[in-house]
């Protein structure tokens, strides 16, 4: 298997086939890398990425990135349960704690 994740002190590069993603805190570093790569390769840069190989990138309010794979998640659920149509509840169980049964046994036998 070919390496596809390259980590540098100030940049991460993820490569798959003919697609490449760069991550850095300073966008000028990415711009410089793209400029250097254009000397050897024909590139078609995109301004923003929201999905890459079925992975969606969500930018959170705190600036962090969340990576999710909704299509893969749905496929796993459908394979395991035979459907992905469910009526989910936030809290499926009672929110009240169970109390000891005063007429029950005192321990496990």
C-alpha atoms as a PDB file:
ATOM      1  CA  UNK A   1       0.000   0.000   0.000  1.00  0.00           C
ATOM      2  CA  UNK A   2       1.314   3.407  -0.932  1.00  0.00           C
ATOM      3  CA  UNK A   3       1.656   6.083   1.755  1.00  0.00           C
ATOM      4  CA  UNK A   4      -1.145   8.623   1.489  1.00  0.00           C
ATOM      5  CA  UNK A   5      -0.714  10.773   4.614  1.00  0.00           C
ATOM      6  CA  UNK A   6       2.302  13.035   4.897  1.00  0.00           C
ATOM      7  CA  UNK A   7       2.926  15.060   8.038  1.00  0.00           C
ATOM      8  CA  UNK A   8       5.309  17.995   8.206  1.00  0.00           C
ATOM      9  CA  UNK A   9       5.973  20.332  11.121  1.00  0.00           C
ATOM     10  CA  UNK A  10       3.518  22.920   9.790  1.00  0.00           C
ATOM     11  CA  UNK A  11       1.367  21.046   7.252  1.00  0.00           C
ATOM     12  CA  UNK A  12      -0.506  17.800   6.649  1.00  0.00           C
ATOM     13  CA  UNK A  13      -1.020  16.406   3.146  1.00  0.00           C
ATOM     14  CA  UNK A  14      -3.584  13.697   2.343  1.00  0.00           C
ATOM     15  CA  UNK A  15      -3.366  12.095  -1.115  1.00  0.00           C
ATOM     16  CA  UNK A  16      -5.700   9.675  -2.879  1.00  0.00           C
ATOM     17  CA  UNK A  17      -5.311   8.857  -6.562  1.00  0.00           C
ATOM     18  CA  UNK A  18      -5.278  12.286  -8.218  1.00  0.00           C
ATOM     19  CA  UNK A  19      -6.734  14.249  -5.303  1.00  0.00           C
ATOM     20  CA  UNK A  20      -4.725  16.000  -2.643  1.00  0.00           C
ATOM     21  CA  UNK A  21      -5.739  17.862   0.527  1.00  0.00           C
ATOM     22  CA  UNK A  22      -3.519  20.214   2.500  1.00  0.00           C
ATOM     23  CA  UNK A  23      -4.144  21.289   6.075  1.00  0.00           C
ATOM     24  CA  UNK A  24      -2.178  24.035   7.825  1.00  0.00           C
ATOM     25  CA  UNK A  25      -2.821  26.743  10.371  1.00  0.00           C
ATOM     26  CA  UNK A  26      -1.291  29.298   8.013  1.00  0.00           C
ATOM     27  CA  UNK A  27      -2.919  29.291   4.562  1.00  0.00           C
ATOM     28  CA  UNK A  28       0.186  30.988   3.093  1.00  0.00           C
ATOM     29  CA  UNK A  29       2.083  27.718   3.645  1.00  0.00           C
ATOM     30  CA  UNK A  30      -0.488  25.891   1.519  1.00  0.00           C
ATOM     31  CA  UNK A  31      -0.335  28.596  -1.159  1.00  0.00           C
ATOM     32  CA  UNK A  32       3.464  28.273  -1.296  1.00  0.00           C
ATOM     33  CA  UNK A  33       3.220  24.462  -1.570  1.00  0.00           C
ATOM     34  CA  UNK A  34       0.719  24.727  -4.427  1.00  0.00           C
ATOM     35  CA  UNK A  35       2.942  27.242  -6.213  1.00  0.00           C
ATOM     36  CA  UNK A  36       5.894  24.865  -5.906  1.00  0.00           C
ATOM     37  CA  UNK A  37       3.858  21.875  -7.115  1.00  0.00           C
ATOM     38  CA  UNK A  38       2.618  23.823 -10.157  1.00  0.00           C
ATOM     39  CA  UNK A  39       6.215  23.948 -11.384  1.00  0.00           C
ATOM     40  CA  UNK A  40       6.102  20.166 -11.914  1.00  0.00           C
ATOM     41  CA  UNK A  41       2.393  19.271 -12.160  1.00  0.00           C
ATOM     42  CA  UNK A  42      -0.843  20.502 -13.677  1.00  0.00           C
ATOM     43  CA  UNK A  43      -3.094  21.355 -10.758  1.00  0.00           C
ATOM     44  CA  UNK A  44      -6.732  22.339 -10.504  1.00  0.00           C
ATOM     45  CA  UNK A  45      -7.007  23.861  -7.030  1.00  0.00           C
ATOM     46  CA  UNK A  46     -10.403  24.183  -5.408  1.00  0.00           C
ATOM     47  CA  UNK A  47     -11.249  26.903  -2.906  1.00  0.00           C
ATOM     48  CA  UNK A  48     -12.947  24.726  -0.321  1.00  0.00           C
ATOM     49  CA  UNK A  49     -13.559  21.060   0.290  1.00  0.00           C
ATOM     50  CA  UNK A  50     -16.751  19.747   1.828  1.00  0.00           C
ATOM     51  CA  UNK A  51     -16.388  16.114   0.819  1.00  0.00           C
ATOM     52  CA  UNK A  52     -13.358  13.992  -0.035  1.00  0.00           C
ATOM     53  CA  UNK A  53     -13.630  10.234  -0.701  1.00  0.00           C
ATOM     54  CA  UNK A  54     -17.039  10.156   0.986  1.00  0.00           C
ATOM     55  CA  UNK A  55     -15.750  11.964   4.055  1.00  0.00           C
ATOM     56  CA  UNK A  56     -17.535  15.204   4.835  1.00  0.00           C
ATOM     57  CA  UNK A  57     -15.621  17.992   6.539  1.00  0.00           C
ATOM     58  CA  UNK A  58     -17.700  20.130   8.895  1.00  0.00           C
ATOM     59  CA  UNK A  59     -16.175  23.276  10.369  1.00  0.00           C
ATOM     60  CA  UNK A  60     -17.405  23.687  13.940  1.00  0.00           C
ATOM     61  CA  UNK A  61     -18.111  26.972  15.709  1.00  0.00           C
ATOM     62  CA  UNK A  62     -14.916  26.602  17.767  1.00  0.00           C
ATOM     63  CA  UNK A  63     -12.831  26.361  14.562  1.00  0.00           C
ATOM     64  CA  UNK A  64     -12.257  22.604  14.783  1.00  0.00           C
ATOM     65  CA  UNK A  65     -12.984  20.226  11.897  1.00  0.00           C
ATOM     66  CA  UNK A  66     -15.279  17.231  12.289  1.00  0.00           C
ATOM     67  CA  UNK A  67     -14.902  14.443   9.741  1.00  0.00           C
ATOM     68  CA  UNK A  68     -17.967  12.251   9.182  1.00  0.00           C
ATOM     69  CA  UNK A  69     -18.920   9.514   6.731  1.00  0.00           C
ATOM     70  CA  UNK A  70     -22.735   9.565   6.594  1.00  0.00           C
ATOM     71  CA  UNK A  71     -22.963   7.274   3.545  1.00  0.00           C
ATOM     72  CA  UNK A  72     -20.737   4.630   5.139  1.00  0.00           C
ATOM     73  CA  UNK A  73     -22.605   4.923   8.447  1.00  0.00           C
ATOM     74  CA  UNK A  74     -25.954   4.416   6.673  1.00  0.00           C
ATOM     75  CA  UNK A  75     -24.551   1.450   4.728  1.00  0.00           C
ATOM     76  CA  UNK A  76     -23.328  -0.246   7.927  1.00  0.00           C
ATOM     77  CA  UNK A  77     -26.661   0.345   9.690  1.00  0.00           C
ATOM     78  CA  UNK A  78     -28.609  -1.023   6.710  1.00  0.00           C
ATOM     79  CA  UNK A  79     -26.334  -4.080   6.440  1.00  0.00           C
ATOM     80  CA  UNK A  80     -26.584  -4.898  10.157  1.00  0.00           C
ATOM     81  CA  UNK A  81     -30.255  -4.105  10.740  1.00  0.00           C
ATOM     82  CA  UNK A  82     -31.711  -4.567   7.246  1.00  0.00           C
ATOM     83  CA  UNK A  83     -32.907  -0.955   7.184  1.00  0.00           C
ATOM     84  CA  UNK A  84     -31.782   2.531   8.087  1.00  0.00           C
ATOM     85  CA  UNK A  85     -35.315   3.748   8.782  1.00  0.00           C
ATOM     86  CA  UNK A  86     -35.619   4.151  12.555  1.00  0.00           C
ATOM     87  CA  UNK A  87     -37.561   6.337  14.949  1.00  0.00           C
ATOM     88  CA  UNK A  88     -34.702   7.425  17.186  1.00  0.00           C
ATOM     89  CA  UNK A  89     -35.365   8.997  20.573  1.00  0.00           C
ATOM     90  CA  UNK A  90     -32.921  11.256  22.392  1.00  0.00           C
ATOM     91  CA  UNK A  91     -33.467   9.380  25.652  1.00  0.00           C
ATOM     92  CA  UNK A  92     -35.064   5.982  25.059  1.00  0.00           C
ATOM     93  CA  UNK A  93     -35.051   5.044  28.752  1.00  0.00           C
ATOM     94  CA  UNK A  94     -36.645   6.638  31.781  1.00  0.00           C
ATOM     95  CA  UNK A  95     -34.691   9.536  33.185  1.00  0.00           C
ATOM     96  CA  UNK A  96     -35.642   8.536  36.745  1.00  0.00           C
ATOM     97  CA  UNK A  97     -33.257   6.151  38.539  1.00  0.00           C
ATOM     98  CA  UNK A  98     -34.471   2.659  39.411  1.00  0.00           C
ATOM     99  CA  UNK A  99     -35.099   2.173  43.122  1.00  0.00           C
ATOM    100  CA  UNK A 100     -34.425  -0.944  45.156  1.00  0.00           C
ATOM    101  CA  UNK A 101     -37.317  -3.414  45.267  1.00  0.00           C
ATOM    102  CA  UNK A 102     -38.068  -3.554  49.031  1.00  0.00           C
ATOM    103  CA  UNK A 103     -39.785  -6.909  48.594  1.00  0.00           C
ATOM    104  CA  UNK A 104     -37.045  -8.429  46.413  1.00  0.00           C
ATOM    105  CA  UNK A 105     -33.922 -10.401  47.264  1.00  0.00           C
ATOM    106  CA  UNK A 106     -30.974  -8.563  48.825  1.00  0.00           C
ATOM    107  CA  UNK A 107     -28.405  -9.827  46.361  1.00  0.00           C
ATOM    108  CA  UNK A 108     -27.677 -12.007  43.401  1.00  0.00           C
ATOM    109  CA  UNK A 109     -27.807 -15.697  44.157  1.00  0.00           C
END
